[in-house]
Amino acid sequence: MPIYEYVCSNCACQFELMRPFSRSGEAAPCPKCKKPSSRKISAFAAFAKGSDGGSTAPIAGAGGGCSSCGASSCSTCGH
């Protein structure tokens, strides 16, 4: 089952919830205030191992190194 990220518009709590894809668009109850929370857009990066054992550039379509920039590695952007 996928893990989805949610944010509560009432108390700004951010949390993750594992649920089936069929329920991914449904509001989730906030663990703090119990109000309905909406799903966040998640960013991720995927890397592959090169023939030398080191990490290669991000896999196409997988996003940048972190959600705060478009760099392919944190050493480039300083995070």
N, C-alpha and C. Protein backbone atom coordinates (compact mmCIF):
# COMPACT_ATOMS: atom_id res chain seq x y z
N MET A 1 0.85 -1.18 0.00
CA MET A 1 0.00 0.00 0.00
C MET A 1 0.89 1.24 0.00
N PRO A 2 0.52 2.25 -0.78
CA PRO A 2 1.31 3.49 -0.82
C PRO A 2 1.14 4.33 0.45
N ILE A 3 2.14 5.15 0.71
CA ILE A 3 2.09 6.10 1.82
C ILE A 3 1.83 7.48 1.22
N TYR A 4 0.84 8.18 1.73
CA TYR A 4 0.49 9.51 1.24
C TYR A 4 0.75 10.53 2.34
N GLU A 5 1.09 11.76 1.92
CA GLU A 5 1.33 12.86 2.86
C GLU A 5 0.09 13.76 2.89
N TYR A 6 -0.27 14.20 4.08
CA TYR A 6 -1.44 15.05 4.27
C TYR A 6 -1.06 16.27 5.10
N VAL A 7 -1.84 17.34 4.96
CA VAL A 7 -1.66 18.53 5.77
C VAL A 7 -3.03 19.02 6.23
N CYS A 8 -3.12 19.37 7.50
CA CYS A 8 -4.37 19.84 8.08
C CYS A 8 -4.48 21.35 7.90
N SER A 9 -5.57 21.81 7.30
CA SER A 9 -5.76 23.26 7.11
C SER A 9 -6.18 23.94 8.41
N ASN A 10 -6.58 23.17 9.42
CA ASN A 10 -6.99 23.74 10.70
C ASN A 10 -5.80 24.03 11.62
N CYS A 11 -4.90 23.03 11.78
CA CYS A 11 -3.78 23.21 12.73
C CYS A 11 -2.40 23.11 12.07
N ALA A 12 -2.34 22.94 10.75
CA ALA A 12 -1.10 22.86 9.97
C ALA A 12 -0.26 21.61 10.26
N CYS A 13 -0.84 20.64 10.92
CA CYS A 13 -0.14 19.38 11.17
C CYS A 13 0.09 18.66 9.84
N GLN A 14 1.31 18.16 9.65
CA GLN A 14 1.64 17.37 8.46
C GLN A 14 1.89 15.94 8.91
N PHE A 15 1.30 14.98 8.22
CA PHE A 15 1.43 13.58 8.61
C PHE A 15 1.33 12.68 7.39
N GLU A 16 1.75 11.42 7.57
CA GLU A 16 1.69 10.42 6.53
C GLU A 16 0.65 9.37 6.90
N LEU A 17 0.07 8.76 5.87
CA LEU A 17 -0.94 7.74 6.10
C LEU A 17 -0.83 6.68 5.01
N MET A 18 -0.78 5.43 5.40
CA MET A 18 -0.76 4.34 4.45
C MET A 18 -2.21 3.94 4.18
N ARG A 19 -2.58 4.00 2.90
CA ARG A 19 -3.94 3.63 2.53
C ARG A 19 -3.98 3.16 1.09
N PRO A 20 -5.02 2.42 0.71
CA PRO A 20 -5.09 1.94 -0.67
C PRO A 20 -5.22 3.08 -1.67
N PHE A 21 -4.75 2.83 -2.88
CA PHE A 21 -4.83 3.82 -3.95
C PHE A 21 -6.27 4.30 -4.14
N SER A 22 -7.22 3.42 -3.99
CA SER A 22 -8.63 3.77 -4.20
C SER A 22 -9.13 4.82 -3.22
N ARG A 23 -8.42 5.02 -2.11
CA ARG A 23 -8.83 6.02 -1.10
C ARG A 23 -7.87 7.21 -1.06
N SER A 24 -6.94 7.30 -2.01
CA SER A 24 -5.90 8.33 -1.96
C SER A 24 -6.44 9.76 -2.01
N GLY A 25 -7.56 9.99 -2.67
CA GLY A 25 -8.11 11.33 -2.79
C GLY A 25 -9.03 11.74 -1.66
N GLU A 26 -9.36 10.81 -0.78
CA GLU A 26 -10.26 11.12 0.34
C GLU A 26 -9.54 11.94 1.41
N ALA A 27 -10.27 12.79 2.08
CA ALA A 27 -9.72 13.54 3.22
C ALA A 27 -9.36 12.54 4.32
N ALA A 28 -8.32 12.85 5.09
CA ALA A 28 -7.89 11.99 6.19
C ALA A 28 -8.02 12.76 7.50
N PRO A 29 -8.43 12.10 8.57
CA PRO A 29 -8.55 12.79 9.86
C PRO A 29 -7.17 13.17 10.43
N CYS A 30 -7.03 14.41 10.84
CA CYS A 30 -5.79 14.89 11.43
C CYS A 30 -5.55 14.17 12.76
N PRO A 31 -4.34 13.67 13.01
CA PRO A 31 -4.07 12.98 14.28
C PRO A 31 -4.10 13.91 15.49
N LYS A 32 -3.93 15.23 15.28
CA LYS A 32 -3.95 16.19 16.39
C LYS A 32 -5.36 16.68 16.71
N CYS A 33 -6.02 17.28 15.70
CA CYS A 33 -7.30 17.94 15.96
C CYS A 33 -8.50 17.18 15.40
N LYS A 34 -8.25 16.09 14.67
CA LYS A 34 -9.30 15.22 14.11
C LYS A 34 -10.11 15.85 12.98
N LYS A 35 -9.73 17.03 12.49
CA LYS A 35 -10.42 17.67 11.36
C LYS A 35 -9.97 17.01 10.06
N PRO A 36 -10.79 17.07 8.99
CA PRO A 36 -10.38 16.51 7.71
C PRO A 36 -9.16 17.24 7.15
N SER A 37 -8.21 16.47 6.63
CA SER A 37 -6.98 17.02 6.07
C SER A 37 -6.86 16.61 4.61
N SER A 38 -6.24 17.47 3.81
CA SER A 38 -6.10 17.19 2.39
C SER A 38 -4.71 16.64 2.06
N ARG A 39 -4.63 15.91 0.97
CA ARG A 39 -3.39 15.29 0.55
C ARG A 39 -2.44 16.32 -0.04
N LYS A 40 -1.15 16.21 0.31
CA LYS A 40 -0.10 17.07 -0.23
C LYS A 40 0.45 16.46 -1.50
N ILE A 41 1.06 17.28 -2.32
CA ILE A 41 1.82 16.80 -3.47
C ILE A 41 3.20 16.42 -2.94
N SER A 42 3.61 15.19 -3.16
CA SER A 42 4.89 14.69 -2.66
C SER A 42 5.96 14.77 -3.73
N ALA A 43 7.18 15.03 -3.32
CA ALA A 43 8.33 15.03 -4.22
C ALA A 43 9.29 13.93 -3.77
N PHE A 44 9.92 13.29 -4.72
CA PHE A 44 10.88 12.25 -4.37
C PHE A 44 11.98 12.21 -5.43
N ALA A 45 13.05 11.53 -5.10
CA ALA A 45 14.15 11.32 -6.05
C ALA A 45 14.50 9.84 -6.04
N ALA A 46 14.84 9.31 -7.19
CA ALA A 46 15.25 7.92 -7.30
C ALA A 46 16.61 7.87 -7.99
N PHE A 47 17.53 7.14 -7.43
CA PHE A 47 18.87 7.02 -7.99
C PHE A 47 19.14 5.55 -8.30
N ALA A 48 20.03 5.32 -9.23
CA ALA A 48 20.45 3.96 -9.58
C ALA A 48 21.94 3.84 -9.30
N LYS A 49 22.41 2.61 -9.11
CA LYS A 49 23.84 2.38 -8.90
C LYS A 49 24.53 2.25 -10.25
N GLY A 50 25.63 2.94 -10.39
CA GLY A 50 26.43 2.85 -11.60
C GLY A 50 27.28 1.59 -11.56
N SER A 51 27.98 1.31 -12.64
CA SER A 51 28.81 0.11 -12.72
C SER A 51 29.96 0.14 -11.71
N ASP A 52 30.34 1.36 -11.27
CA ASP A 52 31.41 1.50 -10.28
C ASP A 52 30.89 1.41 -8.84
N GLY A 53 29.58 1.21 -8.68
CA GLY A 53 28.98 1.11 -7.35
C GLY A 53 28.50 2.43 -6.79
N GLY A 54 28.81 3.55 -7.44
CA GLY A 54 28.37 4.86 -6.97
C GLY A 54 26.99 5.20 -7.51
N SER A 55 26.39 6.22 -6.97
CA SER A 55 25.08 6.66 -7.43
C SER A 55 25.20 7.41 -8.75
N THR A 56 24.23 7.18 -9.61
CA THR A 56 24.17 7.89 -10.88
C THR A 56 23.23 9.07 -10.73
N ALA A 57 23.03 9.81 -11.80
CA ALA A 57 22.09 10.94 -11.79
C ALA A 57 20.69 10.41 -11.51
N PRO A 58 19.77 11.26 -11.06
CA PRO A 58 18.41 10.81 -10.79
C PRO A 58 17.79 10.16 -12.02
N ILE A 59 16.96 9.17 -11.77
CA ILE A 59 16.25 8.49 -12.85
C ILE A 59 15.25 9.46 -13.46
N ALA A 60 15.14 9.47 -14.77
CA ALA A 60 14.26 10.41 -15.48
C ALA A 60 12.85 10.37 -14.92
N GLY A 61 12.29 11.54 -14.67
CA GLY A 61 10.92 11.65 -14.17
C GLY A 61 10.80 11.51 -12.67
N ALA A 62 11.90 11.32 -11.97
CA ALA A 62 11.83 11.08 -10.54
C ALA A 62 11.99 12.35 -9.72
N GLY A 63 12.20 13.50 -10.33
CA GLY A 63 12.32 14.74 -9.58
C GLY A 63 13.75 15.05 -9.22
N GLY A 64 13.95 16.15 -8.51
CA GLY A 64 15.28 16.59 -8.13
C GLY A 64 15.76 15.94 -6.85
N GLY A 65 16.84 16.48 -6.28
CA GLY A 65 17.43 15.91 -5.09
C GLY A 65 16.60 16.14 -3.84
N CYS A 66 15.85 17.23 -3.77
CA CYS A 66 14.97 17.47 -2.63
C CYS A 66 13.82 18.37 -3.10
N SER A 67 12.86 18.56 -2.26
CA SER A 67 11.69 19.33 -2.68
C SER A 67 11.93 20.83 -2.74
N SER A 68 13.08 21.31 -2.20
CA SER A 68 13.31 22.75 -2.17
C SER A 68 14.03 23.28 -3.40
N CYS A 69 14.52 22.39 -4.28
CA CYS A 69 15.23 22.86 -5.46
C CYS A 69 15.19 21.81 -6.55
N GLY A 70 15.74 22.13 -7.70
CA GLY A 70 15.76 21.20 -8.80
C GLY A 70 17.11 20.55 -9.02
N ALA A 71 18.06 20.72 -8.10
CA ALA A 71 19.39 20.13 -8.25
C ALA A 71 19.31 18.62 -8.18
N SER A 72 20.26 17.94 -8.80
CA SER A 72 20.25 16.49 -8.79
C SER A 72 20.94 15.90 -7.57
N SER A 73 21.66 16.70 -6.80
CA SER A 73 22.25 16.20 -5.57
C SER A 73 22.31 17.32 -4.54
N CYS A 74 22.25 16.94 -3.28
CA CYS A 74 22.27 17.94 -2.20
C CYS A 74 23.59 18.67 -2.11
N SER A 75 24.68 18.06 -2.60
CA SER A 75 25.97 18.76 -2.55
C SER A 75 25.96 19.96 -3.50
N THR A 76 25.08 19.93 -4.50
CA THR A 76 24.99 21.04 -5.45
C THR A 76 24.25 22.22 -4.84
N CYS A 77 23.15 21.95 -4.10
CA CYS A 77 22.33 23.05 -3.60
C CYS A 77 22.60 23.38 -2.13
N GLY A 78 23.39 22.56 -1.43
CA GLY A 78 23.75 22.87 -0.05
C GLY A 78 22.82 22.32 1.00
N HIS A 79 21.85 21.50 0.64
CA HIS A 79 20.96 20.89 1.65
C HIS A 79 21.46 19.57 2.12
